[in-house]
Amino acid sequence: MKVLVLYEYPPTPGGLATQGDLLYKGLQELGVDVHAAHFESDQEKEWYYRWFKPDVVVGIGYWGYTPHLILNPQKFGALAVPWLVSDGYIANYQDVLNALPLILVTSNWVKEMYVRDGINGDKIEVLPVGCDTDGFKPCSKNDPKILAVRESLGIAPDELMILTVGGDAASKGGREVMQALAMIDTKVPKWKYVCKVWPQQRTSIQDASDEELAESLGIEKKIIYAVNTISRTFMPYLIGACDIYAAPSRLEGFGMPQVEAGACGKPVLSINAMGMLDTLVHGETALLAGVAQKIVVNEVILGVAAGYEEGHKVVFDTPRIVDYRADVPDIANYMETLMNDAPLREKMGKAGRERVVANFDYRVVAKKFVQIINDRLGIC
């Protein structure tokens, strides 16, 4: 089997780039003849099509990347098998997607979204995102690298560290977490809540709003915003420094940081919806808050990125759920339980590690990819 993997290559620290790079690495370790190229690099992709002649071109992204991941390989007679995430609504390219023999998606929830929006479910297989369980692994609290992370963030030895990682904190449920922490502040040990976000204009605007919320709740001195770019090398130690990973995300097709937290032996607090239904087990590896609200829209305005002219309006026959909100009292209840019960945190973290190694290790995912391609397309 000859495979060309299209993603943001060489990889940045982002989720899609990591998703693609771990598949690439896993296939290499399996002995598959595999190469990687940037999904937007038309010249380099064409170079591979001409001399490498891949059996399969697997591209990582969302449906809006269809011109790069599907139409470009097809132009040169290559077999495209996209591995897609969801952004809440598949607005275009249904005909192109339905003409494919196989589509990979990251979770059963993502499959449901594609089927809802007109994609033939018989063509879709679920392939979870891989995790580097060699890098993301439990560390001793006294490991100098862990201590250095906590010290750099201003976390005292007797304080619990709660962590959320995302492009911004709000999309990962950070505002709901803050509201919950304010409710239980006097009922739990001393704590700090770290929101690790990426520096970008959208993030700065959201951060300012979140900081205003923290101030209105009276917990602003316990909220730490870490706004900087970090590498995948640092991420395991950032997660390893926390006591609880909290991300009751508003929109999540898989939940890579939640899985990485499990690999690091950390209990996870999330939402009982979307991709987390595949990756987390309530009461065993995580505590999942109920859904308090579903954000529904009747129409959207799209543009060139979606394959339309700018300002194109799409009116839905049936209103679409585009966002979720976790139940704050549920978060507060579960957070209080975790923060007051160290043995439970350890037990759930251990179970999380075992589940990730068994189901989401990048080598396990690579083997599943090969099996799917073999079973569905007859390519060995």
Protein backbone atom coordinates (compact mmCIF):
# COMPACT_ATOMS: atom_id res chain seq x y z
CA MET A 1 0.00 0.00 0.00
CA LYS A 2 1.31 3.41 -1.02
CA VAL A 3 -0.20 6.33 0.91
CA LEU A 4 0.16 10.09 0.56
CA VAL A 5 -0.99 11.99 3.66
CA LEU A 6 -2.09 15.60 3.17
CA TYR A 7 -2.10 17.92 6.18
CA GLU A 8 -0.29 20.98 7.48
CA TYR A 9 3.17 19.57 6.88
CA PRO A 10 5.68 20.14 8.43
CA PRO A 11 3.31 20.10 11.41
CA THR A 12 2.45 23.06 13.59
CA PRO A 13 1.15 22.41 17.15
CA GLY A 14 -2.49 22.60 15.99
CA GLY A 15 -4.96 19.74 16.20
CA LEU A 16 -5.37 18.95 12.48
CA ALA A 17 -1.62 19.00 11.89
CA THR A 18 -1.07 16.69 14.85
CA GLN A 19 -3.85 14.38 13.64
CA GLY A 20 -2.19 14.03 10.25
CA ASP A 21 1.35 13.73 11.56
CA LEU A 22 0.51 10.93 13.97
CA LEU A 23 -1.15 8.93 11.19
CA TYR A 24 1.94 9.52 9.04
CA LYS A 25 4.20 8.40 11.88
CA GLY A 26 2.06 5.36 12.66
CA LEU A 27 2.02 4.21 9.04
CA GLN A 28 5.79 4.63 8.83
CA GLU A 29 6.24 2.42 11.89
CA LEU A 30 3.97 -0.22 10.35
CA GLY A 31 6.24 -0.33 7.31
CA VAL A 32 3.71 1.26 4.95
CA ASP A 33 5.20 3.10 1.97
CA VAL A 34 4.01 6.58 2.97
CA HIS A 35 4.86 10.22 2.29
CA ALA A 36 3.45 13.51 3.58
CA ALA A 37 2.79 16.85 1.90
CA HIS A 38 1.16 20.14 2.82
CA PHE A 39 -2.50 20.01 1.81
CA GLU A 40 -2.27 23.39 0.03
CA SER A 41 1.01 22.73 -1.81
CA ASP A 42 -0.28 21.95 -5.31
CA GLN A 43 3.17 21.64 -6.88
CA GLU A 44 4.49 19.23 -4.27
CA LYS A 45 1.30 17.16 -4.35
CA GLU A 46 1.52 16.90 -8.14
CA TRP A 47 5.16 15.82 -7.80
CA TYR A 48 4.08 12.92 -5.58
CA TYR A 49 1.20 11.97 -7.88
CA ARG A 50 3.59 11.73 -10.84
CA TRP A 51 6.46 9.69 -9.38
CA PHE A 52 5.09 8.06 -6.21
CA LYS A 53 1.70 7.18 -7.71
CA PRO A 54 -0.07 6.63 -4.36
CA ASP A 55 -2.81 4.03 -4.02
CA VAL A 56 -4.59 6.31 -1.55
CA VAL A 57 -4.40 10.03 -0.82
CA VAL A 58 -5.74 10.67 2.68
CA GLY A 59 -6.31 14.34 3.49
CA ILE A 60 -6.99 15.72 6.96
CA GLY A 61 -9.35 18.66 7.43
CA TYR A 62 -12.99 19.62 7.26
CA TRP A 63 -15.43 19.67 4.34
CA GLY A 64 -14.34 23.17 3.30
CA TYR A 65 -10.93 21.76 2.35
CA THR A 66 -12.57 19.64 -0.39
CA PRO A 67 -10.71 21.44 -3.26
CA HIS A 68 -7.35 20.63 -1.62
CA LEU A 69 -8.07 17.16 -0.22
CA ILE A 70 -10.35 15.66 -2.87
CA LEU A 71 -10.59 17.63 -6.12
CA ASN A 72 -6.84 18.11 -6.45
CA PRO A 73 -5.93 14.39 -6.15
CA GLN A 74 -8.82 13.46 -8.46
CA LYS A 75 -7.48 15.88 -11.09
CA PHE A 76 -4.44 13.61 -11.37
CA GLY A 77 -6.33 10.33 -11.20
CA ALA A 78 -5.50 9.59 -7.56
CA LEU A 79 -7.93 7.98 -5.12
CA ALA A 80 -8.90 10.52 -2.43
CA VAL A 81 -10.02 9.32 1.00
CA PRO A 82 -10.60 12.38 3.22
CA TRP A 83 -10.37 12.08 7.00
CA LEU A 84 -12.76 14.81 8.13
CA VAL A 85 -13.82 16.70 11.21
CA SER A 86 -17.02 18.73 11.53
CA ASP A 87 -17.59 22.41 12.25
CA GLY A 88 -21.28 21.96 13.00
CA TYR A 89 -22.74 22.09 9.48
CA ILE A 90 -21.71 20.71 6.08
CA ALA A 91 -22.74 23.52 3.76
CA ASN A 92 -21.35 22.46 0.39
CA TYR A 93 -19.66 19.76 -1.70
CA GLN A 94 -22.28 17.10 -0.89
CA ASP A 95 -22.16 15.82 -4.49
CA VAL A 96 -18.38 15.51 -4.41
CA LEU A 97 -18.41 13.76 -1.04
CA ASN A 98 -21.19 11.37 -2.01
CA ALA A 99 -19.29 10.33 -5.14
CA LEU A 100 -16.36 9.06 -3.03
CA PRO A 101 -16.04 5.35 -2.23
CA LEU A 102 -14.96 6.08 1.36
CA ILE A 103 -14.94 8.94 3.86
CA LEU A 104 -13.22 8.77 7.24
CA VAL A 105 -14.48 10.86 10.18
CA THR A 106 -13.16 11.31 13.69
CA SER A 107 -16.19 10.22 15.76
CA ASN A 108 -19.68 8.82 15.58
CA TRP A 109 -21.05 12.31 16.28
CA VAL A 110 -19.21 13.70 13.26
CA LYS A 111 -20.70 10.87 11.17
CA GLU A 112 -24.16 11.85 12.42
CA MET A 113 -23.54 15.45 11.35
CA TYR A 114 -22.48 14.42 7.85
CA VAL A 115 -25.45 12.09 7.45
CA ARG A 116 -27.78 14.83 8.75
CA ASP A 117 -26.45 17.19 6.11
CA GLY A 118 -26.89 14.86 3.17
CA ILE A 119 -23.87 12.55 3.07
CA ASN A 120 -24.44 8.82 2.50
CA GLY A 121 -23.65 7.11 5.81
CA ASP A 122 -22.75 3.84 4.06
CA LYS A 123 -19.62 5.54 2.74
CA ILE A 124 -18.47 6.74 6.17
CA GLU A 125 -16.13 4.94 8.58
CA VAL A 126 -15.13 6.27 11.99
CA LEU A 127 -11.36 6.52 12.57
CA PRO A 128 -10.42 8.17 15.88
CA VAL A 129 -7.53 10.61 16.16
CA GLY A 130 -4.30 9.05 17.39
CA CYS A 131 -2.43 9.97 20.55
CA ASP A 132 1.30 9.74 21.19
CA THR A 133 1.14 7.73 24.41
CA ASP A 134 4.94 7.62 24.60
CA GLY A 135 5.07 11.39 24.97
CA PHE A 136 1.77 11.86 26.80
CA LYS A 137 2.21 9.70 29.89
CA PRO A 138 1.89 10.03 33.67
CA CYS A 139 4.67 11.96 35.40
CA SER A 140 5.61 12.23 39.06
CA LYS A 141 4.42 15.38 40.79
CA ASN A 142 8.04 15.88 41.86
CA ASP A 143 9.44 15.63 38.34
CA PRO A 144 11.55 18.79 37.84
CA LYS A 145 9.80 19.49 34.52
CA ILE A 146 6.38 19.32 36.17
CA LEU A 147 7.49 21.48 39.08
CA ALA A 148 8.93 24.02 36.62
CA VAL A 149 5.60 24.31 34.80
CA ARG A 150 3.68 24.93 38.01
CA GLU A 151 6.25 27.43 39.26
CA SER A 152 6.20 29.35 35.99
CA LEU A 153 2.41 29.63 36.22
CA GLY A 154 2.45 30.67 39.87
CA ILE A 155 0.76 27.50 41.16
CA ALA A 156 1.64 26.82 44.81
CA PRO A 157 2.40 23.24 45.93
CA ASP A 158 -0.81 23.15 48.00
CA GLU A 159 -3.05 24.44 45.20
CA LEU A 160 -5.03 22.29 42.80
CA MET A 161 -4.39 23.16 39.17
CA ILE A 162 -7.35 22.95 36.79
CA LEU A 163 -6.45 23.23 33.11
CA THR A 164 -8.23 24.01 29.84
CA VAL A 165 -6.37 24.16 26.51
CA GLY A 166 -7.74 25.61 23.28
CA GLY A 167 -7.48 28.30 20.65
CA ASP A 168 -9.63 30.21 23.13
CA ALA A 169 -11.04 29.04 26.46
CA ALA A 170 -14.70 29.84 25.86
CA SER A 171 -15.08 27.37 22.99
CA LYS A 172 -13.77 24.67 25.30
CA GLY A 173 -16.33 25.53 27.97
CA GLY A 174 -14.06 27.78 30.00
CA ARG A 175 -16.78 30.27 30.89
CA GLU A 176 -18.99 27.48 32.22
CA VAL A 177 -16.07 26.15 34.25
CA MET A 178 -15.47 29.59 35.77
CA GLN A 179 -19.11 29.92 36.74
CA ALA A 180 -19.00 26.48 38.35
CA LEU A 181 -15.80 27.24 40.27
CA ALA A 182 -17.33 30.42 41.64
CA MET A 183 -20.25 28.36 42.97
CA ILE A 184 -18.01 25.94 44.92
CA ASP A 185 -15.10 28.22 45.81
CA THR A 186 -15.57 27.88 49.59
CA LYS A 187 -16.26 24.12 49.45
CA VAL A 188 -13.02 22.91 47.89
CA PRO A 189 -9.24 23.09 48.53
CA LYS A 190 -7.24 26.04 47.24
CA TRP A 191 -7.12 26.14 43.46
CA LYS A 192 -6.01 27.97 40.33
CA TYR A 193 -7.64 27.68 36.92
CA VAL A 194 -5.23 27.89 33.96
CA CYS A 195 -6.61 28.70 30.51
CA LYS A 196 -3.91 27.98 27.91
CA VAL A 197 -4.92 29.83 24.74
CA TRP A 198 -3.20 30.74 21.49
CA PRO A 199 -2.23 34.35 20.67
CA GLN A 200 -4.50 35.62 17.89
CA GLN A 201 -6.87 38.55 17.43
CA ARG A 202 -10.01 36.47 17.96
CA THR A 203 -8.52 35.00 21.13
CA SER A 204 -7.59 38.39 22.59
CA ILE A 205 -11.15 39.65 22.19
CA GLN A 206 -12.58 36.52 23.79
CA ASP A 207 -9.97 36.55 26.57
CA ALA A 208 -10.95 40.08 27.53
CA SER A 209 -14.58 39.05 27.77
CA ASP A 210 -13.68 35.99 29.84
CA GLU A 211 -11.56 38.08 32.19
CA GLU A 212 -14.51 40.40 32.71
CA LEU A 213 -16.61 37.37 33.64
CA ALA A 214 -13.99 36.19 36.14
CA GLU A 215 -13.94 39.63 37.74
CA SER A 216 -17.73 39.75 37.97
CA LEU A 217 -17.64 36.33 39.67
CA GLY A 218 -15.01 37.50 42.15
CA ILE A 219 -12.45 34.83 41.17
CA GLU A 220 -10.18 36.87 38.89
CA LYS A 221 -7.13 36.30 41.16
CA LYS A 222 -7.50 32.55 40.70
CA ILE A 223 -7.73 32.60 36.90
CA ILE A 224 -4.50 32.42 34.91
CA TYR A 225 -4.45 33.12 31.18
CA ALA A 226 -1.38 31.63 29.50
CA VAL A 227 -1.41 33.29 26.08
CA ASN A 228 1.53 32.03 24.05
CA THR A 229 2.59 29.60 21.38
CA ILE A 230 3.91 26.30 22.65
CA SER A 231 5.22 23.13 21.01
CA ARG A 232 4.00 19.56 21.20
CA THR A 233 7.14 18.86 23.25
CA PHE A 234 5.89 21.11 26.07
CA MET A 235 2.24 20.05 26.00
CA PRO A 236 2.62 16.74 27.94
CA TYR A 237 4.26 18.59 30.81
CA LEU A 238 1.62 21.32 30.85
CA ILE A 239 -1.09 18.65 31.11
CA GLY A 240 1.07 16.65 33.52
CA ALA A 241 1.22 19.65 35.85
CA CYS A 242 -2.56 19.83 36.31
CA ASP A 243 -4.75 17.90 38.73
CA ILE A 244 -7.94 18.05 36.65
CA TYR A 245 -8.40 18.64 32.94
CA ALA A 246 -11.65 20.54 32.39
CA ALA A 247 -13.14 21.05 28.93
CA PRO A 248 -16.94 20.82 28.64
CA SER A 249 -16.54 21.97 25.05
CA ARG A 250 -19.19 23.84 23.10
CA LEU A 251 -18.31 22.10 19.82
CA GLU A 252 -16.00 19.10 19.68
CA GLY A 253 -15.80 16.43 16.99
CA PHE A 254 -13.22 14.38 18.86
CA GLY A 255 -11.55 16.14 21.79
CA MET A 256 -7.82 15.57 21.36
CA PRO A 257 -6.73 17.41 24.57
CA GLN A 258 -9.21 15.38 26.61
CA VAL A 259 -7.66 12.19 25.23
CA GLU A 260 -4.14 13.49 25.83
CA ALA A 261 -5.12 14.31 29.41
CA GLY A 262 -6.30 10.73 29.85
CA ALA A 263 -2.98 9.49 28.46
CA CYS A 264 -1.25 11.61 31.11
CA GLY A 265 -3.33 9.93 33.83
CA LYS A 266 -5.52 12.95 34.53
CA PRO A 267 -9.24 12.86 35.31
CA VAL A 268 -11.31 14.78 32.79
CA LEU A 269 -14.40 16.91 33.26
CA SER A 270 -16.32 17.39 30.02
CA ILE A 271 -19.77 17.38 28.44
CA ASN A 272 -22.02 14.40 27.76
CA ALA A 273 -22.27 15.03 24.01
CA MET A 274 -20.48 15.02 20.65
CA GLY A 275 -17.08 13.36 20.24
CA MET A 276 -16.65 12.86 23.99
CA LEU A 277 -19.23 10.07 23.84
CA ASP A 278 -16.61 8.04 21.93
CA THR A 279 -13.52 8.99 23.88
CA LEU A 280 -14.59 9.34 27.53
CA VAL A 281 -16.49 7.02 29.87
CA HIS A 282 -18.65 8.80 32.45
CA GLY A 283 -17.84 7.71 35.98
CA GLU A 284 -14.79 5.73 34.85
CA THR A 285 -12.35 8.02 33.02
CA ALA A 286 -14.29 11.28 33.23
CA LEU A 287 -17.28 13.08 34.66
CA LEU A 288 -19.57 14.38 31.94
CA ALA A 289 -21.90 17.28 32.63
CA GLY A 290 -25.32 17.28 31.02
CA VAL A 291 -26.28 19.53 28.12
CA ALA A 292 -28.03 22.65 29.36
CA GLN A 293 -28.54 24.34 26.00
CA LYS A 294 -28.31 23.64 22.30
CA ILE A 295 -27.61 26.67 20.13
CA VAL A 296 -29.81 26.44 17.05
CA VAL A 297 -29.69 28.57 13.89
CA ASN A 298 -32.12 28.85 10.97
CA GLU A 299 -29.67 30.25 8.43
CA VAL A 300 -25.99 31.01 7.90
CA ILE A 301 -23.97 33.38 5.71
CA LEU A 302 -21.08 31.69 3.89
CA GLY A 303 -18.32 32.72 1.51
CA VAL A 304 -15.37 31.59 -0.57
CA ALA A 305 -14.01 29.23 2.09
CA ALA A 306 -17.21 27.20 1.78
CA GLY A 307 -17.13 27.19 -2.02
CA TYR A 308 -19.64 30.01 -2.48
CA GLU A 309 -19.49 33.66 -3.42
CA GLU A 310 -19.10 36.05 -0.49
CA GLY A 311 -22.32 36.74 1.43
CA HIS A 312 -24.09 33.57 0.25
CA LYS A 313 -27.08 32.82 2.48
CA VAL A 314 -28.17 29.26 3.27
CA VAL A 315 -31.61 28.86 4.85
CA PHE A 316 -32.17 25.49 6.53
CA ASP A 317 -35.28 23.40 5.99
CA THR A 318 -34.75 22.19 9.55
CA PRO A 319 -32.91 24.37 12.11
CA ARG A 320 -29.37 23.17 12.85
CA ILE A 321 -27.64 22.73 16.22
CA VAL A 322 -24.30 24.50 15.89
CA ASP A 323 -23.17 24.74 19.52
CA TYR A 324 -23.74 23.21 22.94
CA ARG A 325 -23.56 24.55 26.49
CA ALA A 326 -22.81 22.28 29.44
CA ASP A 327 -24.94 22.45 32.58
CA VAL A 328 -23.10 24.68 35.07
CA PRO A 329 -24.60 23.11 38.25
CA ASP A 330 -23.52 19.71 36.91
CA ILE A 331 -19.99 21.00 36.33
CA ALA A 332 -19.95 22.47 39.84
CA ASN A 333 -21.12 19.21 41.40
CA TYR A 334 -18.59 17.08 39.51
CA MET A 335 -15.78 19.56 40.05
CA GLU A 336 -16.46 19.63 43.79
CA THR A 337 -16.35 15.82 43.85
CA LEU A 338 -13.03 15.64 42.00
CA MET A 339 -11.38 18.45 43.89
CA ASN A 340 -12.21 16.91 47.27
CA ASP A 341 -11.30 13.32 46.41
CA ALA A 342 -7.64 12.71 45.51
CA PRO A 343 -8.01 8.89 45.36
CA LEU A 344 -10.86 9.28 42.87
CA ARG A 345 -8.72 11.57 40.71
CA GLU A 346 -5.95 8.98 40.72
CA LYS A 347 -8.36 6.10 39.96
CA MET A 348 -10.01 7.92 37.05
CA GLY A 349 -6.65 9.03 35.68
CA LYS A 350 -5.36 5.45 35.70
CA ALA A 351 -8.50 4.23 33.92
CA GLY A 352 -8.15 7.05 31.39
CA ARG A 353 -4.57 6.07 30.62
CA GLU A 354 -5.56 2.44 30.07
CA ARG A 355 -8.41 3.40 27.74
CA VAL A 356 -6.27 5.74 25.64
CA VAL A 357 -3.45 3.21 25.23
CA ALA A 358 -5.90 0.49 24.19
CA ASN A 359 -8.02 2.54 21.79
CA PHE A 360 -6.32 5.77 20.71
CA ASP A 361 -2.58 5.16 20.60
CA TYR A 362 -1.40 6.38 17.19
CA ARG A 363 -0.12 2.92 16.26
CA VAL A 364 -3.53 1.41 17.02
CA VAL A 365 -5.15 4.07 14.84
CA ALA A 366 -2.69 3.46 11.99
CA LYS A 367 -3.47 -0.27 12.07
CA LYS A 368 -7.18 0.48 11.98
CA PHE A 369 -6.64 2.80 8.99
CA VAL A 370 -4.84 0.03 7.08
CA GLN A 371 -7.60 -2.44 7.93
CA ILE A 372 -10.35 -0.06 6.78
CA ILE A 373 -8.58 0.64 3.49
CA ASN A 374 -8.09 -3.07 2.95
CA ASP A 375 -11.66 -4.04 3.86
CA ARG A 376 -13.45 -1.21 2.08
CA LEU A 377 -11.24 -0.63 -0.96
CA GLY A 378 -9.34 -3.91 -1.34
CA ILE A 379 -5.95 -2.17 -1.18
CA CYS A 380 -3.27 -4.06 0.73
